[in-house]
Amino acid sequence: MKSAYELALEKLNKMSGELKKLTPEEKEKIAEINKKYDAKIAELKIAYEGKMARASTYEELEALKVEMAQEIQKLEEEKQREKDKIWGTESNQASPH
């Protein structure tokens, strides 16, 4: 008798196909992508922290926070697109991995 986990995994595989196993090279590429984008996001946060420290009004501060969040979201989406290329699951929308 199969466990609920095994049954769910079979159902998932039928719906989406077999899961791709990454080669060591592909795993390394994904790690490099993560490092590259994590560094870009860290640099962006540092730059915006400086701008926010110089904000003269609450409205300006809030606008900078929104702008920073949008820029981070763009970078996260770029990162996901690059990783999707390696996984072979390219899509028009970023997935929430």
PDB file of N, CA and C in Angstrom:
ATOM      1  N   MET A   1       0.841  -1.180   0.000  1.00  0.00           N
ATOM      2  CA  MET A   1       0.000   0.000   0.000  1.00  0.00           C
ATOM      3  C   MET A   1       0.890   1.248   0.000  1.00  0.00           C
ATOM      4  N   LYS A   2       0.542   2.210  -0.824  1.00  0.00           N
ATOM      5  CA  LYS A   2       1.356   3.420  -0.960  1.00  0.00           C
ATOM      6  C   LYS A   2       0.933   4.461   0.075  1.00  0.00           C
ATOM      7  N   SER A   3       1.930   5.247   0.490  1.00  0.00           N
ATOM      8  CA  SER A   3       1.647   6.324   1.437  1.00  0.00           C
ATOM      9  C   SER A   3       0.982   7.491   0.713  1.00  0.00           C
ATOM     10  N   ALA A   4       0.393   8.369   1.481  1.00  0.00           N
ATOM     11  CA  ALA A   4      -0.237   9.561   0.904  1.00  0.00           C
ATOM     12  C   ALA A   4       0.801  10.392   0.149  1.00  0.00           C
ATOM     13  N   TYR A   5       2.021  10.445   0.658  1.00  0.00           N
ATOM     14  CA  TYR A   5       3.102  11.184   0.004  1.00  0.00           C
ATOM     15  C   TYR A   5       3.390  10.588  -1.374  1.00  0.00           C
ATOM     16  N   GLU A   6       3.509   9.274  -1.441  1.00  0.00           N
ATOM     17  CA  GLU A   6       3.799   8.620  -2.719  1.00  0.00           C
ATOM     18  C   GLU A   6       2.673   8.839  -3.726  1.00  0.00           C
ATOM     19  N   LEU A   7       1.429   8.769  -3.263  1.00  0.00           N
ATOM     20  CA  LEU A   7       0.282   8.997  -4.149  1.00  0.00           C
ATOM     21  C   LEU A   7       0.267  10.433  -4.664  1.00  0.00           C
ATOM     22  N   ALA A   8       0.552  11.375  -3.766  1.00  0.00           N
ATOM     23  CA  ALA A   8       0.585  12.789  -4.163  1.00  0.00           C
ATOM     24  C   ALA A   8       1.710  13.042  -5.155  1.00  0.00           C
ATOM     25  N   LEU A   9       2.854  12.420  -4.941  1.00  0.00           N
ATOM     26  CA  LEU A   9       3.988  12.582  -5.849  1.00  0.00           C
ATOM     27  C   LEU A   9       3.664  12.006  -7.229  1.00  0.00           C
ATOM     28  N   GLU A  10       3.011  10.854  -7.264  1.00  0.00           N
ATOM     29  CA  GLU A  10       2.600  10.278  -8.543  1.00  0.00           C
ATOM     30  C   GLU A  10       1.632  11.200  -9.280  1.00  0.00           C
ATOM     31  N   LYS A  11       0.683  11.753  -8.544  1.00  0.00           N
ATOM     32  CA  LYS A  11      -0.295  12.660  -9.148  1.00  0.00           C
ATOM     33  C   LYS A  11       0.409  13.908  -9.689  1.00  0.00           C
ATOM     34  N   LEU A  12       1.334  14.464  -8.922  1.00  0.00           N
ATOM     35  CA  LEU A  12       2.090  15.632  -9.353  1.00  0.00           C
ATOM     36  C   LEU A  12       2.885  15.327 -10.615  1.00  0.00           C
ATOM     37  N   ASN A  13       3.525  14.163 -10.651  1.00  0.00           N
ATOM     38  CA  ASN A  13       4.315  13.778 -11.832  1.00  0.00           C
ATOM     39  C   ASN A  13       3.434  13.631 -13.061  1.00  0.00           C
ATOM     40  N   LYS A  14       2.247  13.099 -12.891  1.00  0.00           N
ATOM     41  CA  LYS A  14       1.328  12.957 -14.022  1.00  0.00           C
ATOM     42  C   LYS A  14       0.897  14.320 -14.541  1.00  0.00           C
ATOM     43  N   MET A  15       0.689  15.262 -13.611  1.00  0.00           N
ATOM     44  CA  MET A  15       0.229  16.599 -13.990  1.00  0.00           C
ATOM     45  C   MET A  15       1.339  17.410 -14.644  1.00  0.00           C
ATOM     46  N   SER A  16       2.545  17.320 -14.150  1.00  0.00           N
ATOM     47  CA  SER A  16       3.622  18.188 -14.627  1.00  0.00           C
ATOM     48  C   SER A  16       4.757  17.453 -15.325  1.00  0.00           C
ATOM     49  N   GLY A  17       4.681  16.172 -15.404  1.00  0.00           N
ATOM     50  CA  GLY A  17       5.780  15.420 -15.999  1.00  0.00           C
ATOM     51  C   GLY A  17       6.835  15.113 -14.951  1.00  0.00           C
ATOM     52  N   GLU A  18       7.773  14.306 -15.316  1.00  0.00           N
ATOM     53  CA  GLU A  18       8.840  13.947 -14.377  1.00  0.00           C
ATOM     54  C   GLU A  18       9.679  15.178 -14.029  1.00  0.00           C
ATOM     55  N   LEU A  19      10.158  15.203 -12.807  1.00  0.00           N
ATOM     56  CA  LEU A  19      11.014  16.301 -12.383  1.00  0.00           C
ATOM     57  C   LEU A  19      12.390  16.138 -13.006  1.00  0.00           C
ATOM     58  N   LYS A  20      12.936  17.231 -13.469  1.00  0.00           N
ATOM     59  CA  LYS A  20      14.261  17.210 -14.077  1.00  0.00           C
ATOM     60  C   LYS A  20      15.316  17.153 -12.982  1.00  0.00           C
ATOM     61  N   LYS A  21      16.293  16.311 -13.190  1.00  0.00           N
ATOM     62  CA  LYS A  21      17.426  16.258 -12.273  1.00  0.00           C
ATOM     63  C   LYS A  21      18.526  17.114 -12.880  1.00  0.00           C
ATOM     64  N   LEU A  22      19.091  17.981 -12.054  1.00  0.00           N
ATOM     65  CA  LEU A  22      20.145  18.875 -12.530  1.00  0.00           C
ATOM     66  C   LEU A  22      21.498  18.187 -12.482  1.00  0.00           C
ATOM     67  N   THR A  23      22.319  18.523 -13.472  1.00  0.00           N
ATOM     68  CA  THR A  23      23.701  18.046 -13.473  1.00  0.00           C
ATOM     69  C   THR A  23      24.499  18.913 -12.493  1.00  0.00           C
ATOM     70  N   PRO A  24      25.664  18.466 -12.093  1.00  0.00           N
ATOM     71  CA  PRO A  24      26.500  19.299 -11.224  1.00  0.00           C
ATOM     72  C   PRO A  24      26.799  20.671 -11.848  1.00  0.00           C
ATOM     73  N   GLU A  25      26.981  20.702 -13.174  1.00  0.00           N
ATOM     74  CA  GLU A  25      27.255  21.972 -13.848  1.00  0.00           C
ATOM     75  C   GLU A  25      26.045  22.908 -13.760  1.00  0.00           C
ATOM     76  N   GLU A  26      24.855  22.336 -13.929  1.00  0.00           N
ATOM     77  CA  GLU A  26      23.639  23.156 -13.845  1.00  0.00           C
ATOM     78  C   GLU A  26      23.431  23.674 -12.428  1.00  0.00           C
ATOM     79  N   LYS A  27      23.710  22.830 -11.449  1.00  0.00           N
ATOM     80  CA  LYS A  27      23.610  23.267 -10.049  1.00  0.00           C
ATOM     81  C   LYS A  27      24.574  24.417  -9.779  1.00  0.00           C
ATOM     82  N   GLU A  28      25.769  24.308 -10.339  1.00  0.00           N
ATOM     83  CA  GLU A  28      26.772  25.364 -10.166  1.00  0.00           C
ATOM     84  C   GLU A  28      26.313  26.666 -10.819  1.00  0.00           C
ATOM     85  N   LYS A  29      25.720  26.556 -12.014  1.00  0.00           N
ATOM     86  CA  LYS A  29      25.211  27.750 -12.701  1.00  0.00           C
ATOM     87  C   LYS A  29      24.110  28.417 -11.884  1.00  0.00           C
ATOM     88  N   ILE A  30      23.229  27.631 -11.308  1.00  0.00           N
ATOM     89  CA  ILE A  30      22.155  28.197 -10.488  1.00  0.00           C
ATOM     90  C   ILE A  30      22.735  28.882  -9.255  1.00  0.00           C
ATOM     91  N   ALA A  31      23.737  28.262  -8.644  1.00  0.00           N
ATOM     92  CA  ALA A  31      24.388  28.878  -7.482  1.00  0.00           C
ATOM     93  C   ALA A  31      25.032  30.206  -7.874  1.00  0.00           C
ATOM     94  N   GLU A  32      25.665  30.254  -9.051  1.00  0.00           N
ATOM     95  CA  GLU A  32      26.283  31.492  -9.535  1.00  0.00           C
ATOM     96  C   GLU A  32      25.227  32.570  -9.784  1.00  0.00           C
ATOM     97  N   ILE A  33      24.102  32.175 -10.359  1.00  0.00           N
ATOM     98  CA  ILE A  33      23.004  33.126 -10.592  1.00  0.00           C
ATOM     99  C   ILE A  33      22.517  33.683  -9.272  1.00  0.00           C
ATOM    100  N   ASN A  34      22.317  32.808  -8.288  1.00  0.00           N
ATOM    101  CA  ASN A  34      21.858  33.268  -6.972  1.00  0.00           C
ATOM    102  C   ASN A  34      22.843  34.254  -6.362  1.00  0.00           C
ATOM    103  N   LYS A  35      24.133  33.930  -6.432  1.00  0.00           N
ATOM    104  CA  LYS A  35      25.152  34.829  -5.871  1.00  0.00           C
ATOM    105  C   LYS A  35      25.157  36.174  -6.582  1.00  0.00           C
ATOM    106  N   LYS A  36      25.095  36.129  -7.918  1.00  0.00           N
ATOM    107  CA  LYS A  36      25.132  37.356  -8.709  1.00  0.00           C
ATOM    108  C   LYS A  36      23.963  38.276  -8.340  1.00  0.00           C
ATOM    109  N   TYR A  37      22.774  37.726  -8.310  1.00  0.00           N
ATOM    110  CA  TYR A  37      21.606  38.561  -8.033  1.00  0.00           C
ATOM    111  C   TYR A  37      21.498  38.947  -6.561  1.00  0.00           C
ATOM    112  N   ASP A  38      21.937  38.075  -5.667  1.00  0.00           N
ATOM    113  CA  ASP A  38      21.950  38.450  -4.245  1.00  0.00           C
ATOM    114  C   ASP A  38      22.883  39.637  -4.027  1.00  0.00           C
ATOM    115  N   ALA A  39      24.015  39.648  -4.734  1.00  0.00           N
ATOM    116  CA  ALA A  39      24.960  40.773  -4.625  1.00  0.00           C
ATOM    117  C   ALA A  39      24.347  42.047  -5.200  1.00  0.00           C
ATOM    118  N   LYS A  40      23.679  41.933  -6.353  1.00  0.00           N
ATOM    119  CA  LYS A  40      23.028  43.108  -6.942  1.00  0.00           C
ATOM    120  C   LYS A  40      21.963  43.681  -6.003  1.00  0.00           C
ATOM    121  N   ILE A  41      21.190  42.800  -5.384  1.00  0.00           N
ATOM    122  CA  ILE A  41      20.134  43.249  -4.470  1.00  0.00           C
ATOM    123  C   ILE A  41      20.752  43.907  -3.242  1.00  0.00           C
ATOM    124  N   ALA A  42      21.837  43.348  -2.730  1.00  0.00           N
ATOM    125  CA  ALA A  42      22.510  43.940  -1.569  1.00  0.00           C
ATOM    126  C   ALA A  42      23.041  45.333  -1.908  1.00  0.00           C
ATOM    127  N   GLU A  43      23.641  45.482  -3.082  1.00  0.00           N
ATOM    128  CA  GLU A  43      24.140  46.797  -3.515  1.00  0.00           C
ATOM    129  C   GLU A  43      23.000  47.798  -3.642  1.00  0.00           C
ATOM    130  N   LEU A  44      21.897  47.340  -4.204  1.00  0.00           N
ATOM    131  CA  LEU A  44      20.731  48.197  -4.372  1.00  0.00           C
ATOM    132  C   LEU A  44      20.198  48.668  -3.019  1.00  0.00           C
ATOM    133  N   LYS A  45      20.112  47.751  -2.068  1.00  0.00           N
ATOM    134  CA  LYS A  45      19.622  48.103  -0.731  1.00  0.00           C
ATOM    135  C   LYS A  45      20.538  49.130  -0.070  1.00  0.00           C
ATOM    136  N   ILE A  46      21.831  48.948  -0.209  1.00  0.00           N
ATOM    137  CA  ILE A  46      22.789  49.895   0.385  1.00  0.00           C
ATOM    138  C   ILE A  46      22.601  51.276  -0.235  1.00  0.00           C
ATOM    139  N   ALA A  47      22.459  51.319  -1.550  1.00  0.00           N
ATOM    140  CA  ALA A  47      22.272  52.602  -2.234  1.00  0.00           C
ATOM    141  C   ALA A  47      20.983  53.279  -1.769  1.00  0.00           C
ATOM    142  N   TYR A  48      19.927  52.510  -1.677  1.00  0.00           N
ATOM    143  CA  TYR A  48      18.652  53.100  -1.257  1.00  0.00           C
ATOM    144  C   TYR A  48      18.644  53.486   0.215  1.00  0.00           C
ATOM    145  N   GLU A  49      19.367  52.758   1.043  1.00  0.00           N
ATOM    146  CA  GLU A  49      19.451  53.142   2.456  1.00  0.00           C
ATOM    147  C   GLU A  49      20.076  54.523   2.593  1.00  0.00           C
ATOM    148  N   GLY A  50      21.087  54.790   1.769  1.00  0.00           N
ATOM    149  CA  GLY A  50      21.707  56.116   1.776  1.00  0.00           C
ATOM    150  C   GLY A  50      20.728  57.185   1.330  1.00  0.00           C
ATOM    151  N   LYS A  51      19.987  56.901   0.265  1.00  0.00           N
ATOM    152  CA  LYS A  51      18.988  57.864  -0.222  1.00  0.00           C
ATOM    153  C   LYS A  51      17.903  58.086   0.823  1.00  0.00           C
ATOM    154  N   MET A  52      17.473  57.002   1.474  1.00  0.00           N
ATOM    155  CA  MET A  52      16.405  57.127   2.481  1.00  0.00           C
ATOM    156  C   MET A  52      16.878  57.922   3.695  1.00  0.00           C
ATOM    157  N   ALA A  53      18.154  57.781   4.029  1.00  0.00           N
ATOM    158  CA  ALA A  53      18.691  58.532   5.172  1.00  0.00           C
ATOM    159  C   ALA A  53      18.684  60.026   4.886  1.00  0.00           C
ATOM    160  N   ARG A  54      18.782  60.387   3.600  1.00  0.00           N
ATOM    161  CA  ARG A  54      18.789  61.800   3.226  1.00  0.00           C
ATOM    162  C   ARG A  54      17.395  62.339   2.888  1.00  0.00           C
ATOM    163  N   ALA A  55      16.381  61.485   2.944  1.00  0.00           N
ATOM    164  CA  ALA A  55      15.024  61.936   2.610  1.00  0.00           C
ATOM    165  C   ALA A  55      14.586  63.024   3.586  1.00  0.00           C
ATOM    166  N   SER A  56      13.986  64.061   3.037  1.00  0.00           N
ATOM    167  CA  SER A  56      13.612  65.195   3.887  1.00  0.00           C
ATOM    168  C   SER A  56      12.159  65.139   4.347  1.00  0.00           C
ATOM    169  N   THR A  57      11.340  64.327   3.702  1.00  0.00           N
ATOM    170  CA  THR A  57       9.933  64.222   4.117  1.00  0.00           C
ATOM    171  C   THR A  57       9.535  62.756   4.209  1.00  0.00           C
ATOM    172  N   TYR A  58       8.459  62.524   4.920  1.00  0.00           N
ATOM    173  CA  TYR A  58       7.913  61.174   5.045  1.00  0.00           C
ATOM    174  C   TYR A  58       7.493  60.651   3.674  1.00  0.00           C
ATOM    175  N   GLU A  59       6.891  61.507   2.872  1.00  0.00           N
ATOM    176  CA  GLU A  59       6.427  61.112   1.537  1.00  0.00           C
ATOM    177  C   GLU A  59       7.601  60.688   0.658  1.00  0.00           C
ATOM    178  N   GLU A  60       8.687  61.445   0.739  1.00  0.00           N
ATOM    179  CA  GLU A  60       9.875  61.112  -0.035  1.00  0.00           C
ATOM    180  C   GLU A  60      10.432  59.757   0.406  1.00  0.00           C
ATOM    181  N   LEU A  61      10.457  59.538   1.708  1.00  0.00           N
ATOM    182  CA  LEU A  61      10.942  58.272   2.255  1.00  0.00           C
ATOM    183  C   LEU A  61      10.079  57.113   1.759  1.00  0.00           C
ATOM    184  N   GLU A  62       8.770  57.273   1.824  1.00  0.00           N
ATOM    185  CA  GLU A  62       7.862  56.218   1.373  1.00  0.00           C
ATOM    186  C   GLU A  62       8.012  55.958  -0.126  1.00  0.00           C
ATOM    187  N   ALA A  63       8.187  57.007  -0.906  1.00  0.00           N
ATOM    188  CA  ALA A  63       8.378  56.856  -2.346  1.00  0.00           C
ATOM    189  C   ALA A  63       9.656  56.067  -2.637  1.00  0.00           C
ATOM    190  N   LEU A  64      10.707  56.339  -1.885  1.00  0.00           N
ATOM    191  CA  LEU A  64      11.965  55.606  -2.059  1.00  0.00           C
ATOM    192  C   LEU A  64      11.810  54.139  -1.675  1.00  0.00           C
ATOM    193  N   LYS A  65      11.040  53.863  -0.630  1.00  0.00           N
ATOM    194  CA  LYS A  65      10.795  52.476  -0.227  1.00  0.00           C
ATOM    195  C   LYS A  65      10.063  51.716  -1.323  1.00  0.00           C
ATOM    196  N   VAL A  66       9.072  52.350  -1.913  1.00  0.00           N
ATOM    197  CA  VAL A  66       8.307  51.717  -2.996  1.00  0.00           C
ATOM    198  C   VAL A  66       9.206  51.480  -4.202  1.00  0.00           C
ATOM    199  N   GLU A  67       9.997  52.484  -4.542  1.00  0.00           N
ATOM    200  CA  GLU A  67      10.921  52.374  -5.676  1.00  0.00           C
ATOM    201  C   GLU A  67      11.920  51.242  -5.454  1.00  0.00           C
ATOM    202  N   MET A  68      12.461  51.153  -4.241  1.00  0.00           N
ATOM    203  CA  MET A  68      13.413  50.097  -3.925  1.00  0.00           C
ATOM    204  C   MET A  68      12.751  48.720  -4.047  1.00  0.00           C
ATOM    205  N   ALA A  69      11.548  48.586  -3.539  1.00  0.00           N
ATOM    206  CA  ALA A  69      10.836  47.310  -3.621  1.00  0.00           C
ATOM    207  C   ALA A  69      10.599  46.908  -5.074  1.00  0.00           C
ATOM    208  N   GLN A  70      10.271  47.868  -5.918  1.00  0.00           N
ATOM    209  CA  GLN A  70      10.057  47.578  -7.336  1.00  0.00           C
ATOM    210  C   GLN A  70      11.343  47.135  -8.011  1.00  0.00           C
ATOM    211  N   GLU A  71      12.443  47.794  -7.687  1.00  0.00           N
ATOM    212  CA  GLU A  71      13.732  47.433  -8.273  1.00  0.00           C
ATOM    213  C   GLU A  71      14.162  46.034  -7.819  1.00  0.00           C
ATOM    214  N   ILE A  72      13.934  45.728  -6.554  1.00  0.00           N
ATOM    215  CA  ILE A  72      14.270  44.394  -6.045  1.00  0.00           C
ATOM    216  C   ILE A  72      13.414  43.346  -6.745  1.00  0.00           C
ATOM    217  N   GLN A  73      12.125  43.642  -6.923  1.00  0.00           N
ATOM    218  CA  GLN A  73      11.238  42.704  -7.610  1.00  0.00           C
ATOM    219  C   GLN A  73      11.716  42.425  -9.030  1.00  0.00           C
ATOM    220  N   LYS A  74      12.152  43.463  -9.742  1.00  0.00           N
ATOM    221  CA  LYS A  74      12.672  43.283 -11.102  1.00  0.00           C
ATOM    222  C   LYS A  74      13.884  42.348 -11.097  1.00  0.00           C
ATOM    223  N   LEU A  75      14.790  42.560 -10.157  1.00  0.00           N
ATOM    224  CA  LEU A  75      15.977  41.712 -10.068  1.00  0.00           C
ATOM    225  C   LEU A  75      15.605  40.269  -9.730  1.00  0.00           C
ATOM    226  N   GLU A  76      14.640  40.087  -8.825  1.00  0.00           N
ATOM    227  CA  GLU A  76      14.187  38.739  -8.470  1.00  0.00           C
ATOM    228  C   GLU A  76      13.587  38.034  -9.681  1.00  0.00           C
ATOM    229  N   GLU A  77      12.833  38.776 -10.488  1.00  0.00           N
ATOM    230  CA  GLU A  77      12.235  38.201 -11.690  1.00  0.00           C
ATOM    231  C   GLU A  77      13.302  37.828 -12.712  1.00  0.00           C
ATOM    232  N   GLU A  78      14.314  38.685 -12.880  1.00  0.00           N
ATOM    233  CA  GLU A  78      15.423  38.376 -13.790  1.00  0.00           C
ATOM    234  C   GLU A  78      16.147  37.115 -13.329  1.00  0.00           C
ATOM    235  N   LYS A  79      16.386  37.043 -12.025  1.00  0.00           N
ATOM    236  CA  LYS A  79      17.065  35.878 -11.458  1.00  0.00           C
ATOM    237  C   LYS A  79      16.260  34.613 -11.741  1.00  0.00           C
ATOM    238  N   GLN A  80      14.956  34.682 -11.534  1.00  0.00           N
ATOM    239  CA  GLN A  80      14.124  33.507 -11.760  1.00  0.00           C
ATOM    240  C   GLN A  80      14.098  33.098 -13.234  1.00  0.00           C
ATOM    241  N   ARG A  81      14.063  34.092 -14.137  1.00  0.00           N
ATOM    242  CA  ARG A  81      14.087  33.783 -15.569  1.00  0.00           C
ATOM    243  C   ARG A  81      15.376  33.050 -15.950  1.00  0.00           C
ATOM    244  N   GLU A  82      16.501  33.510 -15.418  1.00  0.00           N
ATOM    245  CA  GLU A  82      17.782  32.849 -15.718  1.00  0.00           C
ATOM    246  C   GLU A  82      17.792  31.417 -15.193  1.00  0.00           C
ATOM    247  N   LYS A  83      17.255  31.218 -14.000  1.00  0.00           N
ATOM    248  CA  LYS A  83      17.208  29.870 -13.438  1.00  0.00           C
ATOM    249  C   LYS A  83      16.224  28.997 -14.212  1.00  0.00           C
ATOM    250  N   ASP A  84      15.116  29.567 -14.656  1.00  0.00           N
ATOM    251  CA  ASP A  84      14.137  28.803 -15.439  1.00  0.00           C
ATOM    252  C   ASP A  84      14.739  28.303 -16.741  1.00  0.00           C
ATOM    253  N   LYS A  85      15.648  29.086 -17.337  1.00  0.00           N
ATOM    254  CA  LYS A  85      16.318  28.651 -18.564  1.00  0.00           C
ATOM    255  C   LYS A  85      17.105  27.373 -18.308  1.00  0.00           C
ATOM    256  N   ILE A  86      17.749  27.303 -17.169  1.00  0.00           N
ATOM    257  CA  ILE A  86      18.540  26.121 -16.829  1.00  0.00           C
ATOM    258  C   ILE A  86      17.616  24.933 -16.556  1.00  0.00           C
ATOM    259  N   TRP A  87      16.534  25.186 -15.853  1.00  0.00           N
ATOM    260  CA  TRP A  87      15.564  24.130 -15.550  1.00  0.00           C
ATOM    261  C   TRP A  87      14.798  23.705 -16.800  1.00  0.00           C
ATOM    262  N   GLY A  88      14.813  24.570 -17.826  1.00  0.00           N
ATOM    263  CA  GLY A  88      14.055  24.254 -19.023  1.00  0.00           C
ATOM    264  C   GLY A  88      12.578  24.530 -18.850  1.00  0.00           C
ATOM    265  N   THR A  89      12.262  25.468 -17.943  1.00  0.00           N
ATOM    266  CA  THR A  89      10.866  25.811 -17.666  1.00  0.00           C
ATOM    267  C   THR A  89      10.639  27.286 -17.903  1.00  0.00           C
ATOM    268  N   GLU A  90      11.160  27.791 -19.000  1.00  0.00           N
ATOM    269  CA  GLU A  90      11.009  29.213 -19.294  1.00  0.00           C
ATOM    270  C   GLU A  90       9.541  29.557 -19.371  1.00  0.00           C
ATOM    271  N   SER A  91       9.192  30.693 -18.752  1.00  0.00           N
ATOM    272  CA  SER A  91       7.810  31.159 -18.798  1.00  0.00           C
ATOM    273  C   SER A  91       7.804  32.665 -18.915  1.00  0.00           C
ATOM    274  N   ASN A  92       6.659  33.214 -19.260  1.00  0.00           N
ATOM    275  CA  ASN A  92       6.528  34.666 -19.385  1.00  0.00           C
ATOM    276  C   ASN A  92       6.368  35.323 -18.032  1.00  0.00           C
ATOM    277  N   GLN A  93       5.915  34.573 -17.033  1.00  0.00           N
ATOM    278  CA  GLN A  93       5.725  35.134 -15.714  1.00  0.00           C
ATOM    279  C   GLN A  93       6.738  34.504 -14.765  1.00  0.00           C
ATOM    280  N   ALA A  94       7.165  35.291 -13.801  1.00  0.00           N
ATOM    281  CA  ALA A  94       8.088  34.763 -12.800  1.00  0.00           C
ATOM    282  C   ALA A  94       7.309  33.891 -11.846  1.00  0.00           C
ATOM    283  N   SER A  95       7.865  32.748 -11.496  1.00  0.00           N
ATOM    284  CA  SER A  95       7.200  31.886 -10.526  1.00  0.00           C
ATOM    285  C   SER A  95       7.720  32.207  -9.140  1.00  0.00           C
ATOM    286  N   PRO A  96       6.957  31.879  -8.103  1.00  0.00           N
ATOM    287  CA  PRO A  96       7.323  32.289  -6.737  1.00  0.00           C
ATOM    288  C   PRO A  96       8.293  31.361  -6.053  1.00  0.00           C
ATOM    289  N   HIS A  97       9.308  30.821  -6.731  1.00  0.00           N
ATOM    290  CA  HIS A  97      10.265  29.927  -6.071  1.00  0.00           C
ATOM    291  C   HIS A  97      11.151  30.724  -5.163  1.00  0.00           C
TER     292      HIS A  97
END
